[in-house]
Amino acid sequence: MKYLNKLYWKMRIIGFSIPWIFCINLGDNVKFEGKKHQVVNVKYDNSFGLIDLYNVNRWANRIDCRKIFSPFIIKKNFCKAYNFYMKNWFVIWCNEGMKPWMRKCRIWK
């Protein structure tokens, strides 16, 4: 029974990790004003700190940035999310289940 519980939570974590692929995260390449930039900082007010190829820093709104997808970025973002949930939440969820207060945390994408 314990094995099935762990398998259940691993499958849920895989499901939780998939939306992270489509969100802009630190280190991702984005297109802003027609140029390629890298995200180096994220603020809660929906803005990103960007750096371009010439190391020029600037801030941009989230809605003005478009993520540049590649197989490497897709794998990196999925693995980043999967490792986050496995390291921080997996043992808690296996032992206690998901409590109502956990659903209110800002860990969901």
C-alpha atoms as a PDB file:
ATOM      1  CA  MET A   1       0.000   0.000   0.000  1.00  0.00           C
ATOM      2  CA  LYS A   2       2.850   2.366   0.789  1.00  0.00           C
ATOM      3  CA  TYR A   3       4.334   1.680  -2.649  1.00  0.00           C
ATOM      4  CA  LEU A   4       1.056   2.676  -4.324  1.00  0.00           C
ATOM      5  CA  ASN A   5       0.933   5.872  -2.262  1.00  0.00           C
ATOM      6  CA  LYS A   6       4.445   6.829  -3.417  1.00  0.00           C
ATOM      7  CA  LEU A   7       3.608   5.964  -7.013  1.00  0.00           C
ATOM      8  CA  TYR A   8       0.437   8.061  -6.784  1.00  0.00           C
ATOM      9  CA  TRP A   9       2.330  11.127  -5.558  1.00  0.00           C
ATOM     10  CA  LYS A  10       5.099  10.703  -8.135  1.00  0.00           C
ATOM     11  CA  MET A  11       2.477  10.688 -10.882  1.00  0.00           C
ATOM     12  CA  ARG A  12       0.810  13.781  -9.382  1.00  0.00           C
ATOM     13  CA  ILE A  13       4.195  15.515  -9.240  1.00  0.00           C
ATOM     14  CA  ILE A  14       4.743  14.746 -12.911  1.00  0.00           C
ATOM     15  CA  GLY A  15       1.368  16.354 -13.568  1.00  0.00           C
ATOM     16  CA  PHE A  16       2.286  19.376 -11.435  1.00  0.00           C
ATOM     17  CA  SER A  17       5.606  19.735 -13.293  1.00  0.00           C
ATOM     18  CA  ILE A  18       4.226  19.886 -16.838  1.00  0.00           C
ATOM     19  CA  PRO A  19       2.792  23.462 -16.581  1.00  0.00           C
ATOM     20  CA  TRP A  20       6.259  24.732 -15.586  1.00  0.00           C
ATOM     21  CA  ILE A  21       7.410  23.976 -19.139  1.00  0.00           C
ATOM     22  CA  PHE A  22       5.235  26.773 -20.508  1.00  0.00           C
ATOM     23  CA  CYS A  23       5.958  29.377 -17.806  1.00  0.00           C
ATOM     24  CA  ILE A  24       8.881  31.768 -17.971  1.00  0.00           C
ATOM     25  CA  ASN A  25      11.460  30.828 -15.328  1.00  0.00           C
ATOM     26  CA  LEU A  26      14.888  32.086 -14.305  1.00  0.00           C
ATOM     27  CA  GLY A  27      17.505  31.350 -16.942  1.00  0.00           C
ATOM     28  CA  ASP A  28      15.006  31.048 -19.786  1.00  0.00           C
ATOM     29  CA  ASN A  29      15.525  32.771 -23.102  1.00  0.00           C
ATOM     30  CA  VAL A  30      12.747  35.145 -24.085  1.00  0.00           C
ATOM     31  CA  LYS A  31      11.999  37.379 -27.026  1.00  0.00           C
ATOM     32  CA  PHE A  32      11.465  40.999 -26.025  1.00  0.00           C
ATOM     33  CA  GLU A  33      11.168  43.842 -28.544  1.00  0.00           C
ATOM     34  CA  GLY A  34      12.315  41.463 -31.278  1.00  0.00           C
ATOM     35  CA  LYS A  35      15.583  40.574 -29.541  1.00  0.00           C
ATOM     36  CA  LYS A  36      16.710  37.559 -27.551  1.00  0.00           C
ATOM     37  CA  HIS A  37      17.176  38.114 -23.815  1.00  0.00           C
ATOM     38  CA  GLN A  38      17.768  35.905 -20.797  1.00  0.00           C
ATOM     39  CA  VAL A  39      15.712  36.161 -17.600  1.00  0.00           C
ATOM     40  CA  VAL A  40      17.987  36.936 -14.654  1.00  0.00           C
ATOM     41  CA  ASN A  41      15.471  38.229 -12.104  1.00  0.00           C
ATOM     42  CA  VAL A  42      11.743  37.872 -11.442  1.00  0.00           C
ATOM     43  CA  LYS A  43       9.598  40.290  -9.424  1.00  0.00           C
ATOM     44  CA  TYR A  44       6.194  39.558  -7.954  1.00  0.00           C
ATOM     45  CA  ASP A  45       4.676  42.526  -9.783  1.00  0.00           C
ATOM     46  CA  ASN A  46       4.904  40.544 -13.035  1.00  0.00           C
ATOM     47  CA  SER A  47       8.130  41.973 -14.371  1.00  0.00           C
ATOM     48  CA  PHE A  48      11.393  40.360 -15.367  1.00  0.00           C
ATOM     49  CA  GLY A  49      14.983  41.471 -15.166  1.00  0.00           C
ATOM     50  CA  LEU A  50      16.490  40.740 -18.573  1.00  0.00           C
ATOM     51  CA  ILE A  51      19.978  40.726 -19.956  1.00  0.00           C
ATOM     52  CA  ASP A  52      20.704  40.723 -23.670  1.00  0.00           C
ATOM     53  CA  LEU A  53      23.686  39.442 -25.639  1.00  0.00           C
ATOM     54  CA  TYR A  54      25.629  42.625 -24.897  1.00  0.00           C
ATOM     55  CA  ASN A  55      25.094  42.356 -21.107  1.00  0.00           C
ATOM     56  CA  VAL A  56      22.671  45.281 -21.016  1.00  0.00           C
ATOM     57  CA  ASN A  57      20.224  44.949 -18.110  1.00  0.00           C
ATOM     58  CA  ARG A  58      16.622  46.067 -18.364  1.00  0.00           C
ATOM     59  CA  TRP A  59      13.185  45.375 -16.891  1.00  0.00           C
ATOM     60  CA  ALA A  60      10.223  44.143 -18.912  1.00  0.00           C
ATOM     61  CA  ASN A  61       6.605  43.313 -18.184  1.00  0.00           C
ATOM     62  CA  ARG A  62       5.627  39.661 -18.260  1.00  0.00           C
ATOM     63  CA  ILE A  63       3.072  40.166 -21.035  1.00  0.00           C
ATOM     64  CA  ASP A  64       5.685  41.731 -23.340  1.00  0.00           C
ATOM     65  CA  CYS A  65       7.978  38.670 -23.191  1.00  0.00           C
ATOM     66  CA  ARG A  66       7.575  35.503 -25.245  1.00  0.00           C
ATOM     67  CA  LYS A  67       9.383  32.330 -24.236  1.00  0.00           C
ATOM     68  CA  ILE A  68      11.760  30.751 -26.755  1.00  0.00           C
ATOM     69  CA  PHE A  69      11.255  26.978 -26.710  1.00  0.00           C
ATOM     70  CA  SER A  70      13.900  24.363 -27.400  1.00  0.00           C
ATOM     71  CA  PRO A  71      14.181  20.700 -26.377  1.00  0.00           C
ATOM     72  CA  PHE A  72      16.835  21.632 -23.816  1.00  0.00           C
ATOM     73  CA  ILE A  73      14.630  24.321 -22.215  1.00  0.00           C
ATOM     74  CA  ILE A  74      11.612  22.000 -22.094  1.00  0.00           C
ATOM     75  CA  LYS A  75      13.650  19.297 -20.345  1.00  0.00           C
ATOM     76  CA  LYS A  76      15.343  21.799 -18.008  1.00  0.00           C
ATOM     77  CA  ASN A  77      12.074  23.392 -16.851  1.00  0.00           C
ATOM     78  CA  PHE A  78      10.353  20.050 -16.333  1.00  0.00           C
ATOM     79  CA  CYS A  79      13.298  18.649 -14.347  1.00  0.00           C
ATOM     80  CA  LYS A  80      13.557  21.843 -12.292  1.00  0.00           C
ATOM     81  CA  ALA A  81       9.904  21.601 -11.274  1.00  0.00           C
ATOM     82  CA  TYR A  82      10.041  17.840 -10.692  1.00  0.00           C
ATOM     83  CA  ASN A  83      13.096  18.173  -8.441  1.00  0.00           C
ATOM     84  CA  PHE A  84      11.475  21.064  -6.538  1.00  0.00           C
ATOM     85  CA  TYR A  85       8.376  19.008  -5.704  1.00  0.00           C
ATOM     86  CA  MET A  86      10.339  15.823  -4.978  1.00  0.00           C
ATOM     87  CA  LYS A  87      12.802  17.521  -2.622  1.00  0.00           C
ATOM     88  CA  ASN A  88      10.366  19.772  -0.787  1.00  0.00           C
ATOM     89  CA  TRP A  89       6.926  18.159  -0.869  1.00  0.00           C
ATOM     90  CA  PHE A  90       7.089  14.459  -1.761  1.00  0.00           C
ATOM     91  CA  VAL A  91       7.801  13.110   1.734  1.00  0.00           C
ATOM     92  CA  ILE A  92       5.202  15.403   3.300  1.00  0.00           C
ATOM     93  CA  TRP A  93       2.530  14.373   0.817  1.00  0.00           C
ATOM     94  CA  CYS A  94       3.356  10.664   1.195  1.00  0.00           C
ATOM     95  CA  ASN A  95       3.103  10.829   4.993  1.00  0.00           C
ATOM     96  CA  GLU A  96       0.304  13.346   5.529  1.00  0.00           C
ATOM     97  CA  GLY A  97      -1.416  13.842   2.190  1.00  0.00           C
ATOM     98  CA  MET A  98      -2.196  17.270   0.799  1.00  0.00           C
ATOM     99  CA  LYS A  99      -3.696  19.519   3.447  1.00  0.00           C
ATOM    100  CA  PRO A 100      -6.031  22.432   2.597  1.00  0.00           C
ATOM    101  CA  TRP A 101      -3.413  25.029   3.577  1.00  0.00           C
ATOM    102  CA  MET A 102      -0.990  23.532   1.040  1.00  0.00           C
ATOM    103  CA  ARG A 103      -3.388  24.292  -1.791  1.00  0.00           C
ATOM    104  CA  LYS A 104      -3.131  27.996  -0.913  1.00  0.00           C
ATOM    105  CA  CYS A 105       0.668  28.099  -1.244  1.00  0.00           C
ATOM    106  CA  ARG A 106       2.216  29.858  -4.236  1.00  0.00           C
ATOM    107  CA  ILE A 107       3.923  26.717  -5.543  1.00  0.00           C
ATOM    108  CA  TRP A 108       1.482  25.992  -8.367  1.00  0.00           C
ATOM    109  CA  LYS A 109       1.975  27.189 -11.912  1.00  0.00           C
END
